[in-house]
């Protein structure tokens, strides 16, 4: 059985990616999904709303509605102070996590040579 590593990695970081986007500016669901789908972080807008619901339940994001001339009222999401703290914590941990994983999974030429003997 082959494990889809990319899928597992995305599941582990997509919430923090959403928080990072919302730190830049409040966004409505379609904006978020376009960005996340474009970056390969989610498959579709349908997978975004359960994540946003979890983030709201954890009080990391809040929402508000804005009337739109282009169609129905849009629900915007924004980062809460708790979301800012959570994102800062993620960034600190990520900064040490990435090089550790890179070091632990790096190949060396001697290891490659030994496996071909």
C-alpha atoms as a PDB file:
ATOM      1  CA  UNK A   1       0.000   0.000   0.000  1.00  0.00           C
ATOM      2  CA  UNK A   2       1.381   3.388  -1.009  1.00  0.00           C
ATOM      3  CA  UNK A   3       0.868   6.283   1.378  1.00  0.00           C
ATOM      4  CA  UNK A   4       0.189   9.659  -0.197  1.00  0.00           C
ATOM      5  CA  UNK A   5       2.739  11.676   1.762  1.00  0.00           C
ATOM      6  CA  UNK A   6       1.675  14.982   0.211  1.00  0.00           C
ATOM      7  CA  UNK A   7      -1.907  14.505   1.403  1.00  0.00           C
ATOM      8  CA  UNK A   8      -0.748  13.800   4.948  1.00  0.00           C
ATOM      9  CA  UNK A   9       1.544  16.826   4.933  1.00  0.00           C
ATOM     10  CA  UNK A  10      -1.242  19.099   3.657  1.00  0.00           C
ATOM     11  CA  UNK A  11      -3.623  17.871   6.364  1.00  0.00           C
ATOM     12  CA  UNK A  12      -1.046  18.808   8.969  1.00  0.00           C
ATOM     13  CA  UNK A  13      -0.531  22.389   7.813  1.00  0.00           C
ATOM     14  CA  UNK A  14      -3.640  23.572   5.964  1.00  0.00           C
ATOM     15  CA  UNK A  15      -5.202  25.155   9.058  1.00  0.00           C
ATOM     16  CA  UNK A  16      -2.066  27.198   9.678  1.00  0.00           C
ATOM     17  CA  UNK A  17      -1.979  28.203   6.006  1.00  0.00           C
ATOM     18  CA  UNK A  18      -5.538  29.509   6.338  1.00  0.00           C
ATOM     19  CA  UNK A  19      -4.557  31.471   9.439  1.00  0.00           C
ATOM     20  CA  UNK A  20      -1.601  32.901   7.538  1.00  0.00           C
ATOM     21  CA  UNK A  21      -3.834  34.063   4.704  1.00  0.00           C
ATOM     22  CA  UNK A  22      -6.299  35.634   7.116  1.00  0.00           C
ATOM     23  CA  UNK A  23      -3.493  37.439   8.914  1.00  0.00           C
ATOM     24  CA  UNK A  24      -2.867  39.349   5.672  1.00  0.00           C
ATOM     25  CA  UNK A  25      -6.495  40.362   5.244  1.00  0.00           C
ATOM     26  CA  UNK A  26     -10.030  39.168   5.952  1.00  0.00           C
ATOM     27  CA  UNK A  27     -11.239  36.926   3.140  1.00  0.00           C
ATOM     28  CA  UNK A  28     -14.473  35.261   2.117  1.00  0.00           C
ATOM     29  CA  UNK A  29     -14.678  31.534   1.509  1.00  0.00           C
ATOM     30  CA  UNK A  30     -14.358  31.639  -2.266  1.00  0.00           C
ATOM     31  CA  UNK A  31     -11.190  33.792  -2.036  1.00  0.00           C
ATOM     32  CA  UNK A  32      -9.661  31.396   0.449  1.00  0.00           C
ATOM     33  CA  UNK A  33     -10.539  28.350  -1.621  1.00  0.00           C
ATOM     34  CA  UNK A  34      -9.180  29.846  -4.850  1.00  0.00           C
ATOM     35  CA  UNK A  35      -5.839  30.518  -3.174  1.00  0.00           C
ATOM     36  CA  UNK A  36      -5.658  27.174  -1.378  1.00  0.00           C
ATOM     37  CA  UNK A  37      -6.750  25.125  -4.412  1.00  0.00           C
ATOM     38  CA  UNK A  38      -4.277  27.058  -6.570  1.00  0.00           C
ATOM     39  CA  UNK A  39      -1.474  26.119  -4.170  1.00  0.00           C
ATOM     40  CA  UNK A  40      -2.607  22.493  -3.993  1.00  0.00           C
ATOM     41  CA  UNK A  41      -3.470  22.724  -0.289  1.00  0.00           C
ATOM     42  CA  UNK A  42      -7.122  21.643  -0.633  1.00  0.00           C
ATOM     43  CA  UNK A  43      -8.972  19.782  -3.360  1.00  0.00           C
ATOM     44  CA  UNK A  44     -12.054  22.011  -3.552  1.00  0.00           C
ATOM     45  CA  UNK A  45     -14.108  24.639  -1.771  1.00  0.00           C
ATOM     46  CA  UNK A  46     -16.138  21.821  -0.225  1.00  0.00           C
ATOM     47  CA  UNK A  47     -13.166  20.775   1.877  1.00  0.00           C
ATOM     48  CA  UNK A  48     -12.619  24.335   3.136  1.00  0.00           C
ATOM     49  CA  UNK A  49     -15.819  24.883   5.115  1.00  0.00           C
ATOM     50  CA  UNK A  50     -15.336  22.037   7.619  1.00  0.00           C
ATOM     51  CA  UNK A  51     -11.871  23.439   8.343  1.00  0.00           C
ATOM     52  CA  UNK A  52     -13.262  26.959   8.805  1.00  0.00           C
ATOM     53  CA  UNK A  53     -15.915  25.544  11.157  1.00  0.00           C
ATOM     54  CA  UNK A  54     -13.203  23.895  13.275  1.00  0.00           C
ATOM     55  CA  UNK A  55     -11.183  27.116  13.350  1.00  0.00           C
ATOM     56  CA  UNK A  56     -14.283  29.059  14.444  1.00  0.00           C
ATOM     57  CA  UNK A  57     -15.083  26.486  17.136  1.00  0.00           C
ATOM     58  CA  UNK A  58     -11.518  26.864  18.427  1.00  0.00           C
ATOM     59  CA  UNK A  59     -12.018  30.662  18.334  1.00  0.00           C
ATOM     60  CA  UNK A  60      -9.021  31.099  16.028  1.00  0.00           C
ATOM     61  CA  UNK A  61     -11.139  32.870  13.394  1.00  0.00           C
ATOM     62  CA  UNK A  62     -14.360  34.835  13.459  1.00  0.00           C
ATOM     63  CA  UNK A  63     -16.743  35.746  10.666  1.00  0.00           C
ATOM     64  CA  UNK A  64     -18.905  38.640   9.600  1.00  0.00           C
ATOM     65  CA  UNK A  65     -21.165  39.324   6.635  1.00  0.00           C
ATOM     66  CA  UNK A  66     -20.834  42.008   3.988  1.00  0.00           C
ATOM     67  CA  UNK A  67     -23.434  42.901   1.365  1.00  0.00           C
ATOM     68  CA  UNK A  68     -22.205  42.540  -2.191  1.00  0.00           C
ATOM     69  CA  UNK A  69     -23.355  44.342  -5.324  1.00  0.00           C
ATOM     70  CA  UNK A  70     -22.109  41.354  -7.321  1.00  0.00           C
ATOM     71  CA  UNK A  71     -24.406  38.797  -5.686  1.00  0.00           C
ATOM     72  CA  UNK A  72     -25.386  37.379  -2.325  1.00  0.00           C
ATOM     73  CA  UNK A  73     -24.031  38.564   0.996  1.00  0.00           C
ATOM     74  CA  UNK A  74     -20.496  37.311   1.559  1.00  0.00           C
ATOM     75  CA  UNK A  75     -19.262  35.812   4.806  1.00  0.00           C
ATOM     76  CA  UNK A  76     -15.767  37.066   5.551  1.00  0.00           C
ATOM     77  CA  UNK A  77     -13.378  35.363   7.937  1.00  0.00           C
ATOM     78  CA  UNK A  78     -10.732  37.113   9.996  1.00  0.00           C
ATOM     79  CA  UNK A  79      -8.054  36.102  12.451  1.00  0.00           C
ATOM     80  CA  UNK A  80      -8.789  36.510  16.153  1.00  0.00           C
ATOM     81  CA  UNK A  81      -6.149  37.367  18.755  1.00  0.00           C
ATOM     82  CA  UNK A  82      -6.110  33.663  19.711  1.00  0.00           C
ATOM     83  CA  UNK A  83      -5.583  32.857  16.024  1.00  0.00           C
ATOM     84  CA  UNK A  84      -2.638  35.255  15.896  1.00  0.00           C
ATOM     85  CA  UNK A  85      -1.046  33.535  18.896  1.00  0.00           C
ATOM     86  CA  UNK A  86      -1.689  30.107  17.375  1.00  0.00           C
ATOM     87  CA  UNK A  87      -0.106  31.180  14.084  1.00  0.00           C
ATOM     88  CA  UNK A  88       2.938  32.632  15.854  1.00  0.00           C
ATOM     89  CA  UNK A  89       3.347  29.361  17.767  1.00  0.00           C
ATOM     90  CA  UNK A  90       3.077  27.370  14.526  1.00  0.00           C
ATOM     91  CA  UNK A  91       5.720  29.547  12.862  1.00  0.00           C
ATOM     92  CA  UNK A  92       8.150  29.047  15.735  1.00  0.00           C
ATOM     93  CA  UNK A  93       7.698  25.289  15.705  1.00  0.00           C
ATOM     94  CA  UNK A  94       7.753  25.082  11.897  1.00  0.00           C
ATOM     95  CA  UNK A  95      11.047  26.976  11.756  1.00  0.00           C
ATOM     96  CA  UNK A  96      12.804  24.228  13.723  1.00  0.00           C
ATOM     97  CA  UNK A  97      10.740  21.363  12.296  1.00  0.00           C
ATOM     98  CA  UNK A  98      11.639  21.894   8.625  1.00  0.00           C
ATOM     99  CA  UNK A  99      15.429  21.755   9.009  1.00  0.00           C
ATOM    100  CA  UNK A 100      15.154  18.788  11.395  1.00  0.00           C
ATOM    101  CA  UNK A 101      13.114  16.814   8.848  1.00  0.00           C
ATOM    102  CA  UNK A 102      15.487  17.844   6.058  1.00  0.00           C
ATOM    103  CA  UNK A 103      18.465  16.645   8.081  1.00  0.00           C
ATOM    104  CA  UNK A 104      16.848  13.376   9.109  1.00  0.00           C
ATOM    105  CA  UNK A 105      15.652  12.506   5.609  1.00  0.00           C
ATOM    106  CA  UNK A 106      18.704  13.707   3.696  1.00  0.00           C
ATOM    107  CA  UNK A 107      20.646  11.189   1.672  1.00  0.00           C
ATOM    108  CA  UNK A 108      24.386  11.045   1.568  1.00  0.00           C
ATOM    109  CA  UNK A 109      26.418   9.777  -1.319  1.00  0.00           C
ATOM    110  CA  UNK A 110      28.053   7.110   0.846  1.00  0.00           C
ATOM    111  CA  UNK A 111      24.644   5.786   1.917  1.00  0.00           C
ATOM    112  CA  UNK A 112      23.579   5.566  -1.730  1.00  0.00           C
ATOM    113  CA  UNK A 113      26.801   3.808  -2.674  1.00  0.00           C
ATOM    114  CA  UNK A 114      26.414   1.289   0.163  1.00  0.00           C
ATOM    115  CA  UNK A 115      22.867   0.422  -0.904  1.00  0.00           C
ATOM    116  CA  UNK A 116      24.049  -0.413  -4.431  1.00  0.00           C
ATOM    117  CA  UNK A 117      26.742  -2.893  -3.289  1.00  0.00           C
END
